[in-house]
Structures are given as structure tokens and as C-alpha cells.
C-alpha atoms as a PDB file:
ATOM      1  CA  MET A   1      17.457  21.034  26.613  1.00  0.00           C
ATOM      2  CA  SER A   2      15.385  23.993  25.127  1.00  0.00           C
ATOM      3  CA  GLY A   3      11.955  24.231  24.443  1.00  0.00           C
ATOM      4  CA  LEU A   4      12.506  24.063  20.749  1.00  0.00           C
ATOM      5  CA  GLU A   5      14.623  21.068  21.303  1.00  0.00           C
ATOM      6  CA  ILE A   6      11.669  18.994  23.496  1.00  0.00           C
ATOM      7  CA  ILE A   7       9.394  19.626  21.055  1.00  0.00           C
ATOM      8  CA  SER A   8      11.484  18.575  18.479  1.00  0.00           C
ATOM      9  CA  VAL A   9      12.101  15.313  20.108  1.00  0.00           C
ATOM     10  CA  VAL A  10       8.425  14.909  20.918  1.00  0.00           C
ATOM     11  CA  ILE A  11       7.454  15.510  17.290  1.00  0.00           C
ATOM     12  CA  LEU A  12      10.317  12.693  15.977  1.00  0.00           C
ATOM     13  CA  GLY A  13       9.541  10.330  18.449  1.00  0.00           C
ATOM     14  CA  GLY A  14       5.389  10.437  17.456  1.00  0.00           C
ATOM     15  CA  LEU A  15       6.512  10.044  13.892  1.00  0.00           C
ATOM     16  CA  LEU A  16       8.708   7.025  14.487  1.00  0.00           C
ATOM     17  CA  TRP A  17       5.762   5.602  16.736  1.00  0.00           C
ATOM     18  CA  LEU A  18       3.406   6.325  13.803  1.00  0.00           C
ATOM     19  CA  TRP A  19       5.921   4.535  11.105  1.00  0.00           C
ATOM     20  CA  PHE A  20       6.220   1.584  13.597  1.00  0.00           C
ATOM     21  CA  ASP A  21       2.775   1.140  14.147  1.00  0.00           C
ATOM     22  CA  SER A  22       1.420   1.425  10.458  1.00  0.00           C
ATOM     23  CA  THR A  23       4.109  -0.951   9.429  1.00  0.00           C
ATOM     24  CA  ARG A  24       2.806  -3.474  12.030  1.00  0.00           C
ATOM     25  CA  VAL A  25      -0.787  -2.791  10.820  1.00  0.00           C
ATOM     26  CA  HIS A  26       0.284  -3.310   7.283  1.00  0.00           C
ATOM     27  CA  GLU A  27       1.829  -6.661   8.112  1.00  0.00           C
ATOM     28  CA  ILE A  28      -1.350  -7.969  10.183  1.00  0.00           C
ATOM     29  CA  ALA A  29      -3.358  -6.888   6.857  1.00  0.00           C
ATOM     30  CA  VAL A  30      -1.311  -8.671   4.580  1.00  0.00           C
ATOM     31  CA  GLU A  31      -0.959 -11.935   6.758  1.00  0.00           C
ATOM     32  CA  ARG A  32      -5.001 -11.781   6.860  1.00  0.00           C
ATOM     33  CA  ALA A  33      -5.316 -11.406   3.158  1.00  0.00           C
ATOM     34  CA  ARG A  34      -2.915 -14.437   2.609  1.00  0.00           C
ATOM     35  CA  ASN A  35      -5.035 -16.620   4.936  1.00  0.00           C
ATOM     36  CA  GLN A  36      -8.148 -15.449   3.246  1.00  0.00           C
ATOM     37  CA  CYS A  37      -6.866 -16.629  -0.253  1.00  0.00           C
ATOM     38  CA  ARG A  38      -5.573 -19.658   1.100  1.00  0.00           C
ATOM     39  CA  ALA A  39      -8.786 -20.639   2.572  1.00  0.00           C
ATOM     40  CA  ASN A  40     -10.383 -19.645  -0.845  1.00  0.00           C
ATOM     41  CA  GLU A  41      -7.898 -21.423  -2.698  1.00  0.00           C
ATOM     42  CA  VAL A  42      -6.930 -18.391  -4.882  1.00  0.00           C
ATOM     43  CA  GLN A  43      -3.634 -16.586  -5.452  1.00  0.00           C
ATOM     44  CA  PHE A  44      -2.672 -14.053  -3.418  1.00  0.00           C
ATOM     45  CA  LEU A  45      -1.195 -10.868  -5.214  1.00  0.00           C
ATOM     46  CA  ASP A  46       0.898  -8.510  -3.675  1.00  0.00           C
ATOM     47  CA  ASP A  47       3.912  -6.401  -4.862  1.00  0.00           C
ATOM     48  CA  THR A  48       4.944  -9.357  -7.689  1.00  0.00           C
ATOM     49  CA  VAL A  49       2.525  -8.015 -10.242  1.00  0.00           C
ATOM     50  CA  ALA A  50       2.836  -5.179 -12.410  1.00  0.00           C
ATOM     51  CA  LEU A  51       1.741  -3.764 -15.771  1.00  0.00           C
ATOM     52  CA  ALA A  52       4.055  -4.261 -18.764  1.00  0.00           C
ATOM     53  CA  ASN A  53       2.363  -1.752 -20.744  1.00  0.00           C
ATOM     54  CA  ILE A  54      -0.848   0.263 -21.055  1.00  0.00           C
ATOM     55  CA  LYS A  55      -2.163   2.867 -23.380  1.00  0.00           C
ATOM     56  CA  PRO A  56      -5.358   4.921 -24.230  1.00  0.00           C
ATOM     57  CA  GLU A  57      -7.433   3.708 -27.421  1.00  0.00           C
ATOM     58  CA  ARG A  58     -11.250   4.112 -28.251  1.00  0.00           C
ATOM     59  CA  ASP A  59     -13.590   1.349 -28.638  1.00  0.00           C
ATOM     60  CA  LYS A  60     -15.772   0.905 -31.385  1.00  0.00           C
ATOM     61  CA  ASP A  61     -18.189   3.372 -29.819  1.00  0.00           C
ATOM     62  CA  GLY A  62     -15.409   6.039 -29.393  1.00  0.00           C
ATOM     63  CA  ARG A  63     -15.407   5.661 -25.766  1.00  0.00           C
ATOM     64  CA  LEU A  64     -11.534   6.383 -24.330  1.00  0.00           C
ATOM     65  CA  ILE A  65     -10.480   2.921 -22.662  1.00  0.00           C
ATOM     66  CA  LEU A  66      -6.957   1.746 -21.231  1.00  0.00           C
ATOM     67  CA  SER A  67      -5.729  -1.556 -22.978  1.00  0.00           C
ATOM     68  CA  GLN A  68      -2.486  -3.674 -22.765  1.00  0.00           C
END
């Protein structure tokens, strides 16, 4: 195996390790957030909430705001 192949395998392995590790950290964070929401009796909103429509407009003072 050449030096370039070894470096490529090491880099690929490092990227896979980083991906698996960050996925696990995300799962832990979501679980802790769910537990906190359950303890405080509030709804946990993850990726199930999305805006249907948002547009810029001006308020009565002329400032730009975003409204639905």
C-alpha cells in the first residue's frame, strides 16, 4: 500500500468516526431535551414543525418585520 492510500484510508476512517460520534451526541441531546420537556410538561418540538408561509412586511412605524 502506498503512502497516499494509507493517508486516504486514515482520513476516511476519521471522517466516519466523526460522523458516528456526532450522530450519537445528537441522539443524546435530543433525549435530554425530551426528558426536560416531559419534566416541565411542555411539548417537545423537533423536526415536525415548519413554517408554511413567511413574508417580509412593514409595521406601523415602518420597520421591516417577518410575518406569517
